[in-house]
Amino acid sequence: MKSNKIHFFLLTLASGILLSLAWPARGFPGLLFIGFVPLLFLEDLLYRNRESDTKFSALIWSWPGFLIWNILTTWWIVNSTTIGGIMAITLNSLFMSIVFQAFHWSRKKFQHAGAGYAALISYWTAFEYLHLNWDLNWPWLNLGNGFASFHPWIQWYEYTGTIGGTLWTLIGNILIFELISHLKNNKSKVKKPLRYSFSNIQYSIFIFIWILAPILFSYVIYTNYEEKKHPVNFVVVQPNIDPYSEQYSLPPAEVIGRIMKLAAPYLDTSSNFLVGPESTIQENLWENGLSGFSSIRDLNHILENYPDLNILVGASTFYQFMPGEPLPRTARKFTDTPNHYNAYNTAILINKLDSHQLYHKSKLTPGVEILPSFSGFKWLENYAIDLGGTVGSLGTDSVRRVYNTVKTVKVAPAICYESVFGEFFASFVNNGAQIMIIITNDGWWGNTPGYKQHFLFAHLRAIETRRCIARSANTGISAFINQRGDASSVTEYWEPAAIKGTLNANQKITFYVKHGDYLARIFSWAAGAIFFISLILAITNRIKKSRLSIKKH
């Protein structure tokens, strides 16, 4: 029994390390196709060994592997919030283990490997889809994201989104596990036919095609893809303001001054956009009277010299609800009056056409900008990051807003964490955005893999939507990304910088933009059906056992 435990631990350890070594920014994504193989061997051993297979054995033994994967790839979260980071890593690992336990449970009920694998694929895909759509969202480790640093491999994401990468990976692991199992059985002289009666060579060729064909197809798309010329000129600023020591204490005029000092050498009458990062303005702007704030006036002054310029910057804004207005869940009460207000993480577009176009960040960072809406979770506010005094859940927009611009195309902003959500990001494009702008502040995590991974995920959004992206980071990586996912004018971490570039607008709607995460929805329904059938089988088996027990007595 002790040797079994050591064996189980080595298997779960192997999966955790393999998945970690596959992850961006320095990992090799080919390892994703074998990352789950040790866990599949672990599950198979539990399935065949009733002595080791206790009620939650798959959960208990898979959890260390998922924990290792989470720690080695997202440890940097603790730089912004220690308690919150530990909770995020622990909970996400636990959620993954629950999914793995559900797969093991369904396989036992069906008593058929094929049905078990269908359960694994469906449950895991449904889990990733849940992570894209609930308050505790954390899709950072969704398997399809693992190819971000090898974007020429996954140009077909314009048809499937990252969920296609998840399915590619999971099925690849199952196929390789089946082949290795068969080879082991042959070596031990246990005669057991390979699934579907394929020979070893035929099965190996099939696996090779399964993994290689999408890559070759992708390179064909990548090589032949040409952007239609529709130039739009950008100046993007990376002011490099320390979020811990400067961001919430610098006078607004100094912040605007830093931005203009960096941008001035690149601005001219041909410039269409000047872009500053998330949370650029920390003047506590009240939307009920934006024009009266000095930072807004300073930005409007820039337009006197560049009347055709569109300025997009991030800000912290607030809105006071008028008497009788419906109050959302995120409304806060003033301490000295009966009135309420909302706090927002906002992207503001300023131009001569419409001086104040606002978009409020709507995919909020769990534990930082949004806390679970479930009853009894108010205490979590004690562990949220204090964003200059704005603690707790922020307000959001119900619409993915697209800006009206002066003498150029329609654009839309994605604020920081929003760039990790494919279908959400695509909804801006569905609403008319021809170029996307990402504004972010990656300085919270320090010089860690976190800001690099976040930057690489933007490549996936460019491919899914076939939209060029101008990315402005307070610090981290600012860059231009074309419609194939190639980055240019890439800035260095923790260095003030400004970059100038031309991006091509695009009106074409990709299959993924039109249909979103359709694969995830299909497999989520399949997960529900498989779980329901598993439950029926469990109840039926229990009734049969009960009847047999009665007959014996």
Protein backbone atom coordinates (compact mmCIF):
# COMPACT_ATOMS: atom_id res chain seq x y z
CA MET A 1 0.00 0.00 0.00
CA LYS A 2 2.87 2.36 0.83
CA SER A 3 4.48 1.69 -2.55
CA ASN A 4 1.15 2.56 -4.20
CA LYS A 5 1.09 5.92 -2.43
CA ILE A 6 4.64 6.71 -3.59
CA HIS A 7 3.68 5.69 -7.13
CA PHE A 8 0.56 7.89 -7.03
CA PHE A 9 2.54 10.86 -5.74
CA LEU A 10 5.21 10.50 -8.43
CA LEU A 11 2.52 10.41 -11.13
CA THR A 12 0.73 13.52 -9.87
CA LEU A 13 4.09 15.27 -9.41
CA ALA A 14 5.05 14.42 -13.02
CA SER A 15 1.84 15.96 -14.39
CA GLY A 16 2.28 19.14 -12.35
CA ILE A 17 5.84 19.60 -13.60
CA LEU A 18 5.04 18.78 -17.24
CA LEU A 19 2.12 21.23 -17.36
CA SER A 20 4.29 23.91 -15.75
CA LEU A 21 7.13 23.36 -18.24
CA ALA A 22 4.62 23.76 -21.08
CA TRP A 23 3.32 27.15 -19.95
CA PRO A 24 4.23 30.58 -21.36
CA ALA A 25 6.36 32.57 -21.34
CA ARG A 26 9.36 30.23 -21.48
CA GLY A 27 7.67 26.84 -21.67
CA PHE A 28 7.29 24.54 -24.66
CA PRO A 29 3.58 23.95 -25.40
CA GLY A 30 4.23 20.57 -27.01
CA LEU A 31 4.43 19.22 -23.43
CA LEU A 32 0.73 19.98 -23.01
CA PHE A 33 0.00 16.87 -25.09
CA ILE A 34 1.56 14.67 -22.38
CA GLY A 35 0.87 16.81 -19.31
CA PHE A 36 -2.24 14.84 -18.33
CA VAL A 37 -0.83 11.41 -19.21
CA PRO A 38 0.60 10.67 -15.72
CA LEU A 39 -2.73 11.72 -14.17
CA LEU A 40 -4.56 9.39 -16.55
CA PHE A 41 -2.32 6.54 -15.41
CA LEU A 42 -3.08 7.52 -11.81
CA GLU A 43 -6.81 7.47 -12.48
CA ASP A 44 -6.55 4.14 -14.29
CA LEU A 45 -4.70 2.58 -11.33
CA LEU A 46 -7.41 3.82 -8.96
CA TYR A 47 -10.09 2.49 -11.28
CA ARG A 48 -8.53 -0.99 -11.33
CA ASN A 49 -7.49 -1.11 -7.66
CA ARG A 50 -10.47 -0.99 -5.32
CA GLU A 51 -8.25 -1.07 -2.26
CA SER A 52 -6.70 2.30 -3.21
CA ASP A 53 -9.87 3.80 -4.65
CA THR A 54 -11.53 5.50 -1.70
CA LYS A 55 -14.49 7.85 -2.02
CA PHE A 56 -12.46 10.93 -3.08
CA SER A 57 -9.18 9.29 -4.06
CA ALA A 58 -8.98 10.89 -7.53
CA LEU A 59 -9.45 14.33 -5.97
CA ILE A 60 -6.95 13.69 -3.19
CA TRP A 61 -4.21 12.35 -5.46
CA SER A 62 -4.69 14.77 -8.38
CA TRP A 63 -4.76 17.86 -6.17
CA PRO A 64 -0.96 17.96 -5.49
CA GLY A 65 -0.27 17.86 -9.24
CA PHE A 66 -2.71 20.65 -10.02
CA LEU A 67 -1.36 22.62 -7.05
CA ILE A 68 2.19 22.33 -8.39
CA TRP A 69 1.03 23.51 -11.82
CA ASN A 70 -0.79 26.50 -10.31
CA ILE A 71 2.10 27.45 -8.02
CA LEU A 72 4.83 27.20 -10.65
CA THR A 73 2.90 29.21 -13.26
CA THR A 74 0.93 31.78 -11.21
CA TRP A 75 2.95 32.22 -7.98
CA TRP A 76 3.44 35.87 -8.90
CA ILE A 77 -0.14 36.70 -7.81
CA VAL A 78 1.12 36.88 -4.22
CA ASN A 79 3.13 40.00 -5.15
CA SER A 80 -0.11 41.97 -5.28
CA THR A 81 -2.01 40.23 -2.47
CA THR A 82 -0.45 37.46 -0.40
CA ILE A 83 -3.60 36.04 1.16
CA GLY A 84 -5.60 36.53 -2.04
CA GLY A 85 -2.88 34.86 -4.11
CA ILE A 86 -2.69 31.85 -1.81
CA MET A 87 -6.48 31.52 -1.90
CA ALA A 88 -6.59 31.80 -5.71
CA ILE A 89 -3.92 29.13 -6.20
CA THR A 90 -5.42 26.79 -3.60
CA LEU A 91 -9.01 27.12 -4.81
CA ASN A 92 -8.19 26.82 -8.50
CA SER A 93 -6.19 23.65 -7.83
CA LEU A 94 -9.11 22.30 -5.83
CA PHE A 95 -11.60 23.09 -8.62
CA MET A 96 -9.39 21.21 -11.10
CA SER A 97 -9.23 18.22 -8.75
CA ILE A 98 -13.01 18.22 -8.37
CA VAL A 99 -13.32 18.05 -12.16
CA PHE A 100 -10.88 15.14 -12.23
CA GLN A 101 -12.81 13.37 -9.45
CA ALA A 102 -16.06 13.86 -11.40
CA PHE A 103 -14.42 12.24 -14.45
CA HIS A 104 -13.28 9.28 -12.33
CA TRP A 105 -16.74 8.91 -10.79
CA SER A 106 -18.48 8.94 -14.19
CA ARG A 107 -16.02 6.42 -15.62
CA LYS A 108 -16.79 4.04 -12.75
CA LYS A 109 -20.52 4.42 -13.29
CA PHE A 110 -20.30 3.82 -17.04
CA GLN A 111 -17.61 1.14 -16.62
CA HIS A 112 -16.35 2.08 -20.07
CA ALA A 113 -13.15 3.94 -20.89
CA GLY A 114 -14.60 5.76 -23.93
CA ALA A 115 -17.49 7.15 -21.89
CA GLY A 116 -15.02 8.10 -19.17
CA TYR A 117 -12.87 10.05 -21.62
CA ALA A 118 -15.98 11.79 -22.96
CA ALA A 119 -16.71 12.78 -19.36
CA LEU A 120 -13.19 14.15 -18.86
CA ILE A 121 -13.32 16.24 -22.05
CA SER A 122 -16.83 17.54 -21.33
CA TYR A 123 -16.30 18.26 -17.62
CA TRP A 124 -12.98 20.02 -18.17
CA THR A 125 -14.33 22.13 -21.03
CA ALA A 126 -17.38 23.05 -18.96
CA PHE A 127 -15.06 24.01 -16.09
CA GLU A 128 -13.06 26.31 -18.35
CA TYR A 129 -16.27 27.86 -19.64
CA LEU A 130 -17.44 28.44 -16.07
CA HIS A 131 -14.13 30.13 -15.34
CA LEU A 132 -14.86 32.58 -18.15
CA ASN A 133 -18.29 33.53 -16.83
CA TRP A 134 -18.65 33.54 -13.02
CA ASP A 135 -17.59 35.90 -10.22
CA LEU A 136 -14.60 33.72 -9.29
CA ASN A 137 -13.37 33.72 -12.89
CA TRP A 138 -9.74 32.72 -13.34
CA PRO A 139 -9.23 31.43 -16.91
CA TRP A 140 -5.47 32.08 -16.81
CA LEU A 141 -4.70 28.35 -16.92
CA ASN A 142 -7.31 27.37 -19.49
CA LEU A 143 -5.37 24.89 -21.60
CA GLY A 144 -5.86 26.72 -24.91
CA ASN A 145 -3.90 29.68 -23.49
CA GLY A 146 -0.81 27.50 -23.28
CA PHE A 147 0.05 28.04 -26.97
CA ALA A 148 0.20 31.85 -26.66
CA SER A 149 3.98 32.06 -27.12
CA PHE A 150 3.79 29.83 -30.24
CA HIS A 151 1.00 31.72 -31.99
CA PRO A 152 1.89 30.48 -35.53
CA TRP A 153 0.69 27.05 -34.29
CA ILE A 154 -2.85 28.18 -33.56
CA GLN A 155 -3.98 30.52 -36.34
CA TRP A 156 -7.12 28.35 -36.53
CA TYR A 157 -8.28 29.93 -33.26
CA GLU A 158 -10.16 32.34 -35.54
CA TYR A 159 -12.60 29.42 -35.93
CA THR A 160 -12.56 27.83 -32.46
CA GLY A 161 -11.11 30.24 -29.93
CA THR A 162 -8.91 28.88 -27.13
CA ILE A 163 -11.45 26.15 -26.33
CA GLY A 164 -10.33 24.51 -29.58
CA GLY A 165 -6.83 24.37 -28.11
CA THR A 166 -8.20 22.80 -24.94
CA LEU A 167 -9.94 20.03 -26.91
CA TRP A 168 -6.84 19.49 -29.06
CA THR A 169 -4.76 19.07 -25.90
CA LEU A 170 -7.12 16.81 -23.95
CA ILE A 171 -7.77 14.43 -26.84
CA GLY A 172 -4.03 14.31 -27.59
CA ASN A 173 -3.33 13.27 -23.98
CA ILE A 174 -5.97 10.53 -24.11
CA LEU A 175 -4.61 9.15 -27.39
CA ILE A 176 -1.03 9.09 -26.11
CA PHE A 177 -2.11 7.48 -22.83
CA GLU A 178 -3.95 4.75 -24.73
CA LEU A 179 -0.90 4.05 -26.91
CA ILE A 180 1.50 3.86 -23.94
CA SER A 181 -0.94 1.61 -22.05
CA HIS A 182 -1.09 -0.76 -25.00
CA LEU A 183 2.69 -0.83 -25.38
CA LYS A 184 3.03 -1.60 -21.67
CA ASN A 185 0.54 -4.44 -21.97
CA ASN A 186 2.45 -5.89 -24.93
CA LYS A 187 5.68 -5.71 -22.97
CA SER A 188 4.10 -7.54 -20.04
CA LYS A 189 2.61 -10.06 -22.50
CA VAL A 190 -0.93 -9.17 -21.53
CA LYS A 191 -2.97 -9.50 -24.71
CA LYS A 192 -5.27 -6.54 -24.89
CA PRO A 193 -6.38 -4.99 -28.20
CA LEU A 194 -5.71 -1.33 -28.80
CA ARG A 195 -8.84 0.80 -28.93
CA TYR A 196 -10.73 0.39 -32.18
CA SER A 197 -8.42 -2.53 -33.16
CA PHE A 198 -5.72 -0.27 -34.61
CA SER A 199 -2.17 -1.57 -34.83
CA ASN A 200 0.53 0.24 -32.89
CA ILE A 201 1.87 1.81 -36.08
CA GLN A 202 -1.56 2.93 -37.29
CA TYR A 203 -2.38 4.39 -33.90
CA SER A 204 0.97 6.19 -33.70
CA ILE A 205 0.41 7.69 -37.16
CA PHE A 206 -3.06 8.84 -36.11
CA ILE A 207 -1.64 10.56 -33.02
CA PHE A 208 1.08 12.17 -35.12
CA ILE A 209 -1.55 13.51 -37.54
CA TRP A 210 -3.80 14.67 -34.68
CA ILE A 211 -1.03 16.85 -33.25
CA LEU A 212 0.81 17.91 -36.40
CA ALA A 213 -2.04 18.55 -38.88
CA PRO A 214 -3.47 21.59 -37.01
CA ILE A 215 0.03 23.07 -36.76
CA LEU A 216 0.66 22.64 -40.50
CA PHE A 217 -2.78 24.03 -41.30
CA SER A 218 -2.01 26.98 -39.04
CA TYR A 219 1.28 27.70 -40.79
CA VAL A 220 -0.53 27.72 -44.13
CA ILE A 221 -2.96 30.33 -42.76
CA TYR A 222 -0.14 32.30 -41.15
CA THR A 223 1.99 32.36 -44.30
CA ASN A 224 -0.84 33.36 -46.62
CA TYR A 225 -2.66 35.84 -44.40
CA GLU A 226 -2.45 39.41 -45.72
CA GLU A 227 -3.92 42.46 -44.07
CA LYS A 228 -5.93 44.84 -46.20
CA LYS A 229 -4.44 48.32 -46.13
CA HIS A 230 -6.46 50.65 -43.93
CA PRO A 231 -3.83 52.54 -41.93
CA VAL A 232 -4.49 54.15 -38.54
CA ASN A 233 -1.68 55.96 -36.73
CA PHE A 234 -1.03 55.44 -33.02
CA VAL A 235 1.20 56.89 -30.35
CA VAL A 236 1.23 54.63 -27.27
CA VAL A 237 2.73 55.71 -23.95
CA GLN A 238 4.18 53.61 -21.13
CA PRO A 239 4.67 56.14 -18.30
CA ASN A 240 6.10 53.60 -15.81
CA ILE A 241 4.42 54.96 -12.69
CA ASP A 242 4.99 52.72 -9.67
CA PRO A 243 1.52 51.46 -8.64
CA TYR A 244 2.62 50.98 -5.04
CA SER A 245 4.50 54.21 -4.31
CA GLU A 246 3.50 56.80 -6.95
CA GLN A 247 0.26 56.09 -8.78
CA TYR A 248 -2.16 57.32 -6.13
CA SER A 249 -0.01 60.15 -4.78
CA LEU A 250 1.32 62.00 -7.85
CA PRO A 251 -0.52 65.24 -8.73
CA PRO A 252 -2.68 64.75 -11.87
CA ALA A 253 -0.82 67.53 -13.68
CA GLU A 254 2.50 65.72 -13.17
CA VAL A 255 1.05 62.48 -14.54
CA ILE A 256 -0.27 64.22 -17.68
CA GLY A 257 3.06 66.02 -17.96
CA ARG A 258 5.00 62.75 -17.93
CA ILE A 259 2.76 61.30 -20.62
CA MET A 260 3.11 64.32 -22.87
CA LYS A 261 6.88 64.48 -22.39
CA LEU A 262 7.11 60.92 -23.68
CA ALA A 263 4.55 61.36 -26.44
CA ALA A 264 5.50 64.82 -27.78
CA PRO A 265 8.39 63.68 -30.02
CA TYR A 266 6.04 61.27 -31.83
CA LEU A 267 2.85 63.30 -32.12
CA ASP A 268 2.06 65.15 -35.34
CA THR A 269 -0.98 66.13 -37.39
CA SER A 270 -1.19 62.63 -38.89
CA SER A 271 -1.62 60.98 -35.46
CA ASN A 272 -5.05 59.46 -35.00
CA PHE A 273 -4.69 58.17 -31.44
CA LEU A 274 -2.74 58.92 -28.29
CA VAL A 275 -3.14 56.04 -25.82
CA GLY A 276 -2.27 56.01 -22.13
CA PRO A 277 -2.55 52.98 -19.82
CA GLU A 278 -5.09 51.77 -17.30
CA SER A 279 -5.54 53.97 -14.22
CA THR A 280 -3.58 56.85 -15.74
CA ILE A 281 -5.70 59.50 -14.02
CA GLN A 282 -6.17 59.22 -10.27
CA GLU A 283 -8.05 62.44 -9.59
CA ASN A 284 -11.19 60.65 -8.32
CA LEU A 285 -13.20 61.87 -11.29
CA TRP A 286 -16.94 62.25 -10.72
CA GLU A 287 -18.83 61.47 -13.91
CA ASN A 288 -21.60 63.85 -12.89
CA GLY A 289 -19.27 66.72 -13.78
CA LEU A 290 -16.14 65.53 -15.59
CA SER A 291 -15.39 68.82 -17.33
CA GLY A 292 -14.50 70.50 -14.05
CA PHE A 293 -11.49 68.31 -13.27
CA SER A 294 -7.99 69.58 -14.00
CA SER A 295 -6.71 66.38 -15.67
CA ILE A 296 -9.63 66.40 -18.12
CA ARG A 297 -8.98 70.06 -18.91
CA ASP A 298 -5.28 69.30 -19.46
CA LEU A 299 -6.14 66.52 -21.91
CA ASN A 300 -8.57 68.80 -23.74
CA HIS A 301 -5.79 71.38 -24.10
CA ILE A 302 -3.78 68.83 -26.12
CA LEU A 303 -6.58 68.83 -28.71
CA GLU A 304 -5.99 72.53 -29.36
CA ASN A 305 -2.74 71.60 -31.13
CA TYR A 306 -4.03 68.31 -32.57
CA PRO A 307 -7.75 68.79 -33.35
CA ASP A 308 -8.04 65.45 -35.17
CA LEU A 309 -6.49 63.48 -32.32
CA ASN A 310 -8.39 60.93 -30.23
CA ILE A 311 -7.01 60.50 -26.69
CA LEU A 312 -7.72 57.32 -24.76
CA VAL A 313 -6.62 56.97 -21.13
CA GLY A 314 -7.57 54.93 -18.09
CA ALA A 315 -8.98 56.53 -14.95
CA SER A 316 -10.73 55.85 -11.68
CA THR A 317 -14.19 57.40 -11.88
CA PHE A 318 -17.27 57.63 -9.68
CA TYR A 319 -20.93 58.23 -10.32
CA GLN A 320 -23.43 59.60 -7.80
CA PHE A 321 -26.89 58.10 -8.22
CA MET A 322 -29.71 60.57 -8.40
CA PRO A 323 -32.72 60.15 -6.08
CA GLY A 324 -35.01 57.47 -7.46
CA GLU A 325 -32.37 55.85 -9.68
CA PRO A 326 -32.20 52.04 -9.30
CA LEU A 327 -29.17 51.00 -7.26
CA PRO A 328 -26.99 48.10 -8.49
CA ARG A 329 -25.45 45.55 -6.13
CA THR A 330 -22.14 47.45 -6.28
CA ALA A 331 -23.59 50.77 -5.08
CA ARG A 332 -21.83 52.27 -2.05
CA LYS A 333 -23.36 54.60 0.49
CA PHE A 334 -21.82 57.93 1.41
CA THR A 335 -20.89 58.04 5.07
CA ASP A 336 -22.40 61.47 5.70
CA THR A 337 -25.47 61.48 3.40
CA PRO A 338 -28.20 58.99 2.44
CA ASN A 339 -27.03 59.05 -1.20
CA HIS A 340 -25.19 56.27 -3.04
CA TYR A 341 -22.44 56.10 -5.64
CA ASN A 342 -20.54 53.60 -7.80
CA ALA A 343 -16.78 53.30 -8.35
CA TYR A 344 -15.41 52.28 -11.74
CA ASN A 345 -12.22 51.32 -13.55
CA THR A 346 -12.78 53.42 -16.66
CA ALA A 347 -11.40 54.03 -20.14
CA ILE A 348 -12.09 57.59 -21.32
CA LEU A 349 -11.93 58.72 -24.94
CA ILE A 350 -11.55 62.46 -25.43
CA ASN A 351 -11.85 64.18 -28.81
CA LYS A 352 -13.49 67.19 -30.46
CA LEU A 353 -16.52 65.18 -31.52
CA ASP A 354 -17.65 63.93 -28.11
CA SER A 355 -15.29 64.96 -25.35
CA HIS A 356 -16.21 62.30 -22.77
CA GLN A 357 -16.92 58.78 -23.97
CA LEU A 358 -16.69 56.33 -21.08
CA TYR A 359 -16.38 52.58 -20.88
CA HIS A 360 -16.38 50.86 -17.49
CA LYS A 361 -14.32 47.71 -17.08
CA SER A 362 -16.75 44.80 -16.93
CA LYS A 363 -14.63 41.68 -16.50
CA LEU A 364 -13.35 42.46 -13.04
CA THR A 365 -10.41 40.84 -11.27
CA PRO A 366 -11.66 38.52 -8.50
CA GLY A 367 -10.58 39.54 -5.02
CA VAL A 368 -9.39 42.91 -6.31
CA GLU A 369 -12.26 44.58 -8.17
CA ILE A 370 -15.06 42.11 -7.52
CA LEU A 371 -15.94 39.97 -4.55
CA PRO A 372 -18.33 37.01 -4.71
CA SER A 373 -21.95 38.08 -4.60
CA PHE A 374 -22.80 35.05 -2.48
CA SER A 375 -24.07 35.77 1.00
CA GLY A 376 -21.44 35.77 3.75
CA PHE A 377 -18.41 36.77 1.64
CA LYS A 378 -18.19 40.40 2.77
CA TRP A 379 -15.14 39.53 4.92
CA LEU A 380 -13.08 38.97 1.75
CA GLU A 381 -12.81 42.76 1.34
CA ASN A 382 -10.17 42.63 4.08
CA TYR A 383 -7.85 40.83 1.63
CA ALA A 384 -8.52 42.87 -1.51
CA ILE A 385 -5.83 45.12 -2.95
CA ASP A 386 -6.32 48.73 -1.86
CA LEU A 387 -6.46 50.58 -5.19
CA GLY A 388 -5.93 54.02 -3.79
CA GLY A 389 -8.79 53.64 -1.34
CA THR A 390 -11.19 51.93 -3.79
CA VAL A 391 -11.76 48.56 -2.16
CA GLY A 392 -14.56 46.14 -2.96
CA SER A 393 -16.66 45.40 -6.02
CA LEU A 394 -16.61 47.99 -8.80
CA GLY A 395 -19.46 48.92 -11.12
CA THR A 396 -19.56 47.58 -14.68
CA ASP A 397 -21.12 48.28 -18.07
CA SER A 398 -23.81 46.05 -19.54
CA VAL A 399 -22.72 46.94 -23.10
CA ARG A 400 -19.33 46.49 -24.79
CA ARG A 401 -18.91 50.08 -25.93
CA VAL A 402 -17.31 51.14 -29.20
CA TYR A 403 -16.03 54.72 -29.46
CA ASN A 404 -16.99 57.33 -32.03
CA THR A 405 -13.78 58.88 -33.29
CA VAL A 406 -12.63 61.91 -35.25
CA LYS A 407 -11.63 61.20 -38.87
CA THR A 408 -10.74 57.55 -38.32
CA VAL A 409 -12.20 54.11 -37.62
CA LYS A 410 -14.20 52.84 -34.67
CA VAL A 411 -12.14 51.39 -31.84
CA ALA A 412 -12.91 49.79 -28.49
CA PRO A 413 -10.95 49.41 -25.26
CA ALA A 414 -10.30 46.25 -23.28
CA ILE A 415 -9.07 47.07 -19.80
CA CYS A 416 -6.36 44.82 -18.34
CA TYR A 417 -7.85 41.47 -17.27
CA GLU A 418 -10.55 41.73 -19.96
CA SER A 419 -7.98 40.76 -22.58
CA VAL A 420 -7.91 37.20 -21.17
CA PHE A 421 -11.54 36.51 -22.15
CA GLY A 422 -11.94 35.54 -25.80
CA GLU A 423 -15.72 35.70 -26.28
CA PHE A 424 -15.96 38.85 -24.17
CA PHE A 425 -13.20 40.52 -26.19
CA ALA A 426 -14.88 39.45 -29.42
CA SER A 427 -18.12 41.17 -28.39
CA PHE A 428 -16.43 44.57 -28.90
CA VAL A 429 -15.69 43.50 -32.47
CA ASN A 430 -19.27 42.31 -32.94
CA ASN A 431 -20.34 45.81 -31.92
CA GLY A 432 -18.24 47.41 -34.66
CA ALA A 433 -14.65 47.81 -33.41
CA GLN A 434 -12.20 47.73 -36.32
CA ILE A 435 -9.10 48.02 -34.13
CA MET A 436 -8.78 47.04 -30.47
CA ILE A 437 -6.91 48.89 -27.76
CA ILE A 438 -5.74 47.19 -24.57
CA ILE A 439 -4.85 49.40 -21.61
CA THR A 440 -3.35 47.72 -18.58
CA ASN A 441 -1.28 48.14 -15.44
CA ASP A 442 0.93 45.10 -14.97
CA GLY A 443 3.19 46.70 -12.38
CA TRP A 444 1.36 45.04 -9.47
CA TRP A 445 3.11 41.71 -10.12
CA GLY A 446 6.70 42.94 -10.36
CA ASN A 447 9.23 41.58 -12.83
CA THR A 448 7.70 38.10 -12.99
CA PRO A 449 6.18 35.81 -15.64
CA GLY A 450 2.79 37.39 -14.90
CA TYR A 451 3.13 40.45 -17.11
CA LYS A 452 4.73 38.37 -19.89
CA GLN A 453 1.88 35.86 -19.89
CA HIS A 454 -0.67 38.67 -19.91
CA PHE A 455 1.02 40.22 -22.95
CA LEU A 456 1.16 36.90 -24.80
CA PHE A 457 -2.56 36.29 -24.27
CA ALA A 458 -3.22 39.44 -26.34
CA HIS A 459 -1.75 37.57 -29.33
CA LEU A 460 -4.59 35.06 -29.01
CA ARG A 461 -7.20 37.84 -29.10
CA ALA A 462 -5.68 39.28 -32.28
CA ILE A 463 -5.91 35.88 -33.99
CA GLU A 464 -9.45 35.10 -32.79
CA THR A 465 -10.81 38.45 -33.98
CA ARG A 466 -8.29 39.32 -36.75
CA ARG A 467 -8.03 42.76 -35.23
CA CYS A 468 -4.83 44.73 -34.78
CA ILE A 469 -4.19 45.73 -31.17
CA ALA A 470 -2.48 48.76 -29.68
CA ARG A 471 -1.39 47.81 -26.16
CA SER A 472 -0.49 50.40 -23.55
CA ALA A 473 0.87 49.18 -20.22
CA ASN A 474 1.68 51.47 -17.31
CA THR A 475 4.64 49.19 -17.09
CA GLY A 476 5.06 45.69 -18.38
CA ILE A 477 4.93 45.44 -22.16
CA SER A 478 3.47 48.02 -24.52
CA ALA A 479 3.41 47.03 -28.19
CA PHE A 480 1.54 46.83 -31.47
CA ILE A 481 0.09 43.45 -32.46
CA ASN A 482 -1.03 42.73 -36.01
CA GLN A 483 -3.88 40.52 -37.20
CA ARG A 484 -1.67 37.41 -37.30
CA GLY A 485 -0.60 37.91 -33.68
CA ASP A 486 2.89 39.26 -34.44
CA ALA A 487 4.13 41.94 -32.03
CA SER A 488 6.26 44.96 -32.92
CA SER A 489 7.73 47.98 -31.11
CA VAL A 490 7.80 45.90 -27.93
CA THR A 491 8.86 47.92 -24.86
CA GLU A 492 11.00 46.81 -21.95
CA TYR A 493 9.74 46.22 -18.42
CA TRP A 494 10.04 49.09 -15.93
CA GLU A 495 11.21 51.61 -18.50
CA PRO A 496 9.31 54.79 -19.48
CA ALA A 497 8.66 54.67 -23.20
CA ALA A 498 6.52 55.87 -26.09
CA ILE A 499 6.06 54.03 -29.37
CA LYS A 500 4.66 55.12 -32.71
CA GLY A 501 3.11 52.78 -35.21
CA THR A 502 0.51 52.20 -37.92
CA LEU A 503 -2.14 49.49 -37.64
CA ASN A 504 -4.57 48.33 -40.29
CA ALA A 505 -8.28 48.42 -39.51
CA ASN A 506 -10.39 45.40 -40.40
CA GLN A 507 -14.15 44.97 -40.86
CA LYS A 508 -14.21 41.21 -41.45
CA ILE A 509 -16.01 39.14 -38.80
CA THR A 510 -14.34 35.81 -38.08
CA PHE A 511 -16.26 32.61 -37.40
CA TYR A 512 -15.24 32.81 -33.74
CA VAL A 513 -16.37 36.43 -33.36
CA LYS A 514 -19.74 35.51 -34.85
CA HIS A 515 -20.30 32.37 -32.78
CA GLY A 516 -18.17 32.89 -29.66
CA ASP A 517 -17.38 29.94 -27.39
CA TYR A 518 -19.82 27.62 -29.18
CA LEU A 519 -17.59 24.60 -28.50
CA ALA A 520 -17.64 25.31 -24.79
CA ARG A 521 -21.42 25.55 -24.80
CA ILE A 522 -21.76 22.26 -26.68
CA PHE A 523 -19.48 20.43 -24.27
CA SER A 524 -21.10 22.07 -21.25
CA TRP A 525 -24.44 20.60 -22.34
CA ALA A 526 -22.68 17.27 -22.89
CA ALA A 527 -21.20 17.51 -19.39
CA GLY A 528 -24.67 18.02 -17.95
CA ALA A 529 -26.02 15.03 -19.85
CA ILE A 530 -23.10 12.78 -18.84
CA PHE A 531 -23.39 13.81 -15.20
CA PHE A 532 -27.15 13.15 -15.23
CA ILE A 533 -26.72 9.69 -16.80
CA SER A 534 -23.94 8.93 -14.30
CA LEU A 535 -26.29 9.89 -11.48
CA ILE A 536 -29.05 7.64 -12.85
CA LEU A 537 -26.57 4.76 -13.12
CA ALA A 538 -25.38 5.38 -9.56
CA ILE A 539 -28.94 5.33 -8.22
CA THR A 540 -29.80 2.23 -10.28
CA ASN A 541 -26.72 0.38 -9.01
CA ARG A 542 -27.53 1.31 -5.43
CA ILE A 543 -31.08 0.01 -5.81
CA LYS A 544 -29.76 -3.26 -7.31
CA LYS A 545 -27.29 -3.70 -4.45
CA SER A 546 -30.03 -2.99 -1.93
CA ARG A 547 -32.30 -5.60 -3.48
CA LEU A 548 -29.51 -8.20 -3.55
CA SER A 549 -28.79 -7.49 0.10
CA ILE A 550 -32.48 -8.00 0.99
CA LYS A 551 -32.58 -11.31 -0.93
CA LYS A 552 -29.50 -12.60 0.91
CA HIS A 553 -31.12 -11.91 4.24
